[in-house]
Protein backbone atom coordinates (compact mmCIF):
# COMPACT_ATOMS: atom_id res chain seq x y z
CA MET A 1 -15.02 -0.22 13.27
CA LEU A 2 -12.82 2.87 12.09
CA ASP A 3 -14.86 5.44 10.48
CA PHE A 4 -13.32 6.12 7.14
CA THR A 5 -16.32 8.85 6.11
CA ASN A 6 -13.94 11.38 8.04
CA GLU A 7 -10.73 12.33 6.59
CA GLN A 8 -9.12 12.82 9.90
CA LEU A 9 -9.47 9.15 10.53
CA ALA A 10 -7.92 7.66 7.24
CA ASN A 11 -4.59 5.58 7.78
CA HIS A 12 -4.29 3.58 4.81
CA LEU A 13 -2.27 0.84 6.73
CA LEU A 14 -5.11 0.28 9.15
CA ALA A 15 -7.64 0.30 5.96
CA VAL A 16 -6.05 -2.80 4.79
CA VAL A 17 -6.24 -4.76 8.17
CA PRO A 18 -8.95 -7.56 7.68
CA GLU A 19 -12.11 -7.07 9.66
CA THR A 20 -11.48 -9.99 12.01
CA GLU A 21 -8.29 -8.71 13.26
CA MET A 22 -9.15 -4.78 13.24
CA ALA A 23 -12.26 -6.09 15.59
CA LEU A 24 -9.60 -7.08 17.79
CA MET A 25 -7.49 -3.86 17.44
CA ALA A 26 -10.18 -1.18 17.66
CA PRO A 27 -10.66 -1.19 21.39
CA HIS A 28 -7.17 -0.44 21.84
CA LEU A 29 -6.81 2.50 19.16
CA LYS A 30 -7.22 5.85 20.64
CA LEU A 31 -7.50 8.95 18.28
CA GLN A 32 -5.37 12.02 19.59
CA ARG A 33 -4.13 15.17 18.24
CA LEU A 34 -0.25 15.52 17.93
CA ARG A 35 1.28 18.77 18.10
CA ALA A 36 4.15 20.15 15.53
CA GLY A 37 7.33 19.67 17.25
CA GLN A 38 5.95 16.87 19.69
CA LEU A 39 8.54 14.58 20.86
CA LEU A 40 6.98 11.05 20.84
CA SER A 41 10.28 9.17 21.67
CA ASP A 42 13.68 9.67 22.38
CA SER A 43 16.64 7.95 21.36
CA GLY A 44 17.15 5.00 23.89
CA GLU A 45 13.62 5.50 25.18
CA THR A 46 11.44 2.36 25.75
CA VAL A 47 8.75 1.85 22.90
CA LYS A 48 5.38 1.88 24.93
CA GLN A 49 3.15 3.27 22.19
CA VAL A 50 2.90 2.72 18.49
CA TYR A 51 1.14 5.45 16.39
CA PHE A 52 -0.87 5.33 13.16
CA PRO A 53 -0.89 8.76 11.78
CA THR A 54 -4.13 9.82 9.90
CA THR A 55 -3.41 13.67 9.10
CA ALA A 56 -0.07 14.14 11.22
CA ILE A 57 3.34 13.66 9.70
CA VAL A 58 6.14 12.07 12.05
CA SER A 59 9.96 12.23 11.26
CA MET A 60 12.49 9.69 12.24
CA VAL A 61 15.52 12.01 13.25
CA PHE A 62 18.93 11.15 14.22
CA LEU A 63 20.94 13.56 16.57
CA MET A 64 24.72 13.51 16.01
CA ALA A 65 26.93 14.29 19.11
CA ASP A 66 27.86 17.95 17.65
CA GLY A 67 24.18 18.47 17.50
CA ALA A 68 23.53 18.11 13.74
CA THR A 69 20.12 16.22 12.78
CA ALA A 70 18.92 14.70 10.02
CA GLU A 71 15.67 12.98 8.91
CA VAL A 72 16.04 9.43 7.75
CA ALA A 73 12.22 8.65 7.23
CA ALA A 74 8.95 10.26 7.43
CA ILE A 75 5.81 8.51 8.21
CA GLY A 76 2.18 9.88 7.48
CA ASN A 77 -1.06 8.20 6.81
CA GLU A 78 0.52 5.36 4.94
CA GLY A 79 2.28 3.99 8.19
CA VAL A 80 3.16 3.35 11.36
CA ILE A 81 5.61 4.70 14.22
CA GLY A 82 7.44 2.08 16.58
CA VAL A 83 8.12 -0.92 14.31
CA PRO A 84 11.36 -1.66 16.25
CA VAL A 85 9.23 -3.34 19.27
CA LEU A 86 7.79 -5.99 16.30
CA MET A 87 11.42 -6.89 15.52
CA GLY A 88 12.64 -7.56 19.43
CA GLY A 89 13.80 -4.24 20.12
CA VAL A 90 12.22 -2.34 23.36
CA THR A 91 13.89 0.85 22.31
CA MET A 92 14.22 3.39 19.62
CA PRO A 93 17.59 3.93 18.16
CA ASN A 94 16.59 7.55 17.02
CA ARG A 95 14.12 10.28 17.81
CA ILE A 96 10.38 10.49 16.73
CA GLU A 97 9.31 13.90 16.21
CA VAL A 98 5.74 15.39 14.97
CA ARG A 99 6.94 17.49 11.86
CA SER A 100 3.52 18.50 11.03
CA GLY A 101 0.72 18.74 13.58
CA GLY A 102 -2.52 16.37 13.04
CA TYR A 103 -4.11 13.33 14.35
CA ALA A 104 -3.00 9.91 14.89
CA TYR A 105 -4.09 6.76 16.45
CA SER A 106 -1.90 5.41 19.33
CA MET A 107 -1.90 2.14 20.63
CA SER A 108 -0.10 0.03 23.35
CA ALA A 109 3.25 -1.18 21.73
CA GLN A 110 2.72 -4.47 23.78
CA VAL A 111 -0.63 -5.07 22.41
CA PHE A 112 0.20 -4.48 18.86
CA LYS A 113 3.05 -6.62 19.14
CA ARG A 114 0.78 -9.65 20.42
CA GLU A 115 -1.39 -9.16 17.26
CA PHE A 116 1.73 -9.38 15.15
CA GLU A 117 3.04 -12.27 16.97
CA ARG A 118 -0.10 -14.35 15.97
CA HIS A 119 1.50 -14.58 12.64
CA GLY A 120 -1.82 -13.54 10.85
CA PRO A 121 -2.58 -11.11 8.22
CA VAL A 122 -1.21 -8.29 10.44
CA HIS A 123 2.24 -9.98 10.71
CA LYS A 124 2.37 -10.09 6.62
CA LEU A 125 1.30 -6.45 6.37
CA MET A 126 3.84 -5.22 8.96
CA LEU A 127 6.78 -7.30 7.10
CA LEU A 128 5.74 -5.70 3.83
CA TYR A 129 5.49 -1.95 5.24
CA ILE A 130 8.80 -2.75 7.22
CA GLN A 131 10.44 -3.46 3.62
CA ALA A 132 8.81 -0.50 2.05
CA LEU A 133 10.26 1.83 5.14
CA LEU A 134 13.67 0.17 4.75
CA THR A 135 13.58 1.14 1.13
CA GLN A 136 12.60 5.00 1.93
CA ILE A 137 15.41 5.01 4.80
CA ALA A 138 17.88 3.71 2.13
CA GLN A 139 16.99 6.05 -0.32
CA SER A 140 17.22 8.79 1.90
CA ALA A 141 20.83 8.16 2.48
CA LEU A 142 21.25 7.79 -1.43
CA CYS A 143 19.52 10.97 -2.16
CA ASN A 144 21.42 13.26 0.64
CA ARG A 145 24.88 12.01 -0.71
CA HIS A 146 24.58 11.79 -4.41
CA HIS A 147 21.45 14.47 -5.33
CA HIS A 148 21.61 18.12 -5.86
CA ILE A 149 19.76 20.24 -3.10
CA VAL A 150 17.16 21.32 -5.45
CA LYS A 151 16.29 17.72 -6.16
CA GLN A 152 16.08 16.87 -2.63
CA VAL A 153 14.00 19.47 -1.72
CA CYS A 154 11.55 18.65 -4.71
CA THR A 155 11.52 15.05 -3.30
CA TRP A 156 11.24 16.42 0.28
CA LEU A 157 8.15 18.55 -0.83
CA LEU A 158 6.55 15.86 -2.62
CA LEU A 159 6.60 13.55 0.07
CA THR A 160 5.11 15.76 2.40
CA HIS A 161 2.32 17.01 -0.12
CA ASP A 162 1.53 13.24 -0.68
CA ARG A 163 0.63 12.99 3.06
CA LEU A 164 -1.49 16.35 3.46
CA LYS A 165 -4.93 17.62 2.37
CA SER A 166 -3.81 21.06 1.17
CA ASP A 167 -1.23 22.41 -1.42
CA GLU A 168 -0.31 24.82 1.11
CA LEU A 169 2.26 23.36 3.28
CA ILE A 170 3.08 24.97 6.84
CA VAL A 171 6.76 24.51 7.01
CA THR A 172 9.73 26.74 7.33
CA GLN A 173 12.93 26.70 5.45
CA GLN A 174 14.82 26.12 8.50
CA LEU A 175 12.86 22.87 9.31
CA ILE A 176 13.56 21.63 5.65
CA ALA A 177 17.05 22.21 6.48
CA THR A 178 17.49 20.44 9.71
CA MET A 179 15.55 17.50 8.22
CA LEU A 180 17.76 17.48 5.22
CA GLY A 181 20.91 17.91 7.07
CA VAL A 182 21.84 20.65 4.85
CA ARG A 183 22.66 24.57 5.60
CA ARG A 184 19.32 26.84 5.43
CA GLU A 185 21.14 29.09 2.86
CA GLY A 186 21.06 25.99 0.33
CA VAL A 187 17.36 25.68 0.80
CA THR A 188 16.53 29.11 0.38
CA GLU A 189 18.01 29.09 -2.64
CA ALA A 190 16.36 25.95 -3.70
CA VAL A 191 13.12 27.03 -2.90
CA GLY A 192 13.98 30.46 -4.59
CA LYS A 193 14.59 28.70 -8.02
CA LEU A 194 11.53 26.57 -7.67
CA GLN A 195 9.45 29.84 -7.20
CA GLU A 196 11.24 31.45 -10.17
CA ALA A 197 10.11 28.36 -12.07
CA GLY A 198 6.52 28.83 -11.05
CA LEU A 199 6.46 25.99 -9.22
CA VAL A 200 5.90 26.79 -5.54
CA SER A 201 5.31 30.28 -3.85
CA MET A 202 6.77 30.84 -0.53
CA ARG A 203 5.76 33.21 2.53
CA ARG A 204 6.91 33.10 5.84
CA GLY A 205 6.24 29.78 7.40
CA HIS A 206 4.66 28.55 4.44
CA ILE A 207 5.42 26.86 0.99
CA THR A 208 2.23 26.51 -1.34
CA VAL A 209 2.43 23.88 -4.20
CA LEU A 210 1.42 25.51 -7.26
CA ASP A 211 2.34 22.89 -10.07
CA ARG A 212 2.68 19.61 -8.80
CA GLU A 213 3.36 17.83 -12.15
CA GLY A 214 6.52 20.56 -12.68
CA LEU A 215 7.79 19.75 -9.41
CA GLU A 216 7.77 15.98 -10.06
CA GLY A 217 9.73 16.78 -13.11
CA HIS A 218 12.33 18.77 -10.95
CA ALA A 219 12.53 15.79 -8.45
CA CYS A 220 14.96 12.97 -8.39
CA GLU A 221 14.28 9.31 -9.25
CA CYS A 222 14.33 8.66 -5.16
CA TYR A 223 10.67 10.20 -5.03
CA GLY A 224 9.31 7.74 -7.53
CA ILE A 225 11.05 4.71 -6.04
CA VAL A 226 9.84 5.26 -2.54
CA LYS A 227 6.20 5.78 -3.71
CA ARG A 228 6.37 2.90 -6.17
CA GLU A 229 7.69 0.66 -3.17
CA PHE A 230 4.91 1.49 -0.92
CA ARG A 231 2.37 1.44 -3.72
CA ARG A 232 3.51 -2.15 -4.55
CA LEU A 233 3.72 -3.89 -1.10
CA LEU A 234 0.69 -2.47 0.49
CA LEU A 235 -1.37 -2.70 -2.82
CA ALA A 236 -0.93 -6.49 -2.73
CA SER A 237 -2.10 -6.34 1.01
CA ALA A 238 -5.24 -4.58 -0.01
CA GLU A 239 -6.22 -6.63 -2.75
CA GLU A 240 -5.66 -9.95 -0.56
CA LYS A 241 -8.41 -8.29 1.65
CA GLU A 242 -12.28 -9.05 1.06
CA GLY A 243 -13.59 -6.25 -1.19
CA GLY A 244 -10.28 -4.68 -0.95
CA ILE A 245 -10.09 -2.90 -4.40
CA PRO A 246 -11.65 0.13 -3.42
CA VAL A 247 -9.18 0.19 -0.36
CA ALA A 248 -6.14 -0.44 -2.69
CA SER A 249 -7.10 2.33 -4.67
CA ALA A 250 -6.67 4.90 -1.84
CA LEU A 251 -3.13 3.99 -1.79
CA LEU A 252 -2.93 5.72 -5.66
CA MET A 253 -5.05 8.46 -5.07
CA HIS A 254 -4.23 11.97 -3.66
CA SER A 255 -7.30 13.97 -4.39
CA ARG A 256 -9.39 14.93 -1.69
CA ASP A 257 -12.76 14.34 -3.54
CA ARG A 258 -11.44 11.05 -4.86
CA GLU A 259 -10.53 10.01 -0.98
CA ARG A 260 -14.13 11.04 0.16
CA GLU A 261 -15.74 8.90 -2.61
CA LEU A 262 -13.59 6.12 -1.23
CA HIS A 263 -14.30 6.47 2.33
CA SER A 264 -18.09 6.78 1.72
CA ALA A 265 -18.05 3.44 -0.33
CA TYR A 266 -15.74 1.43 2.19
CA SER A 267 -18.03 2.54 5.09
CA GLY A 268 -21.17 1.81 3.21
CA ARG A 269 -19.86 -1.86 2.70
């Protein structure tokens, strides 16, 4: 069984897999460290591994013919990378890059696909997760087209902050610009406005969240829509699991102390 007393091992999607299914999957899960900037899979490559991030954040990035890039989704400890293999595809349509270094579980894509095709709890869970992921991708496209860059940056920072255990985000303004598909100057101006408002502070390669509530107030509605969809779909799966209410609570918490309390309660069952 996974050791949820260790924050580096916490993936909320794995947390709601019933124990009988987890007993089958656990021998195939390998914890490994992912480096920032590491390319897990390029467009058109065969999907050989799926990844369940714990402390890492991984980006789904599309590369245009002119070299421009844009992030269509970010996946952290709420999800899994490699879902096209479950839908019958054998290749990724986009690049999969590690945005923020950390830990993740890797697993053979074929082994995970076999578990999915048993049409048990994992099958239902993954269908719910894919629906939530599609919501994130669709909302990202809408946000990039219609919302002011300050709101886009706020939403991006909040989604990143949700997945990390620190208010200090190791991220450059160039990275944010690349992920959003905008000019760096626009990001610099947006972050500058947020700093003037006392919401964040910035120094070379770092942005620190000072006022989380204020940042949420400046973000567009896309942040709340994506967050609520993951809560709604994954919470339903958590509550179906025997004794799953404590696990479901993990999807609603971001406090380090509350997560430690949750993990201790779960491991003591």
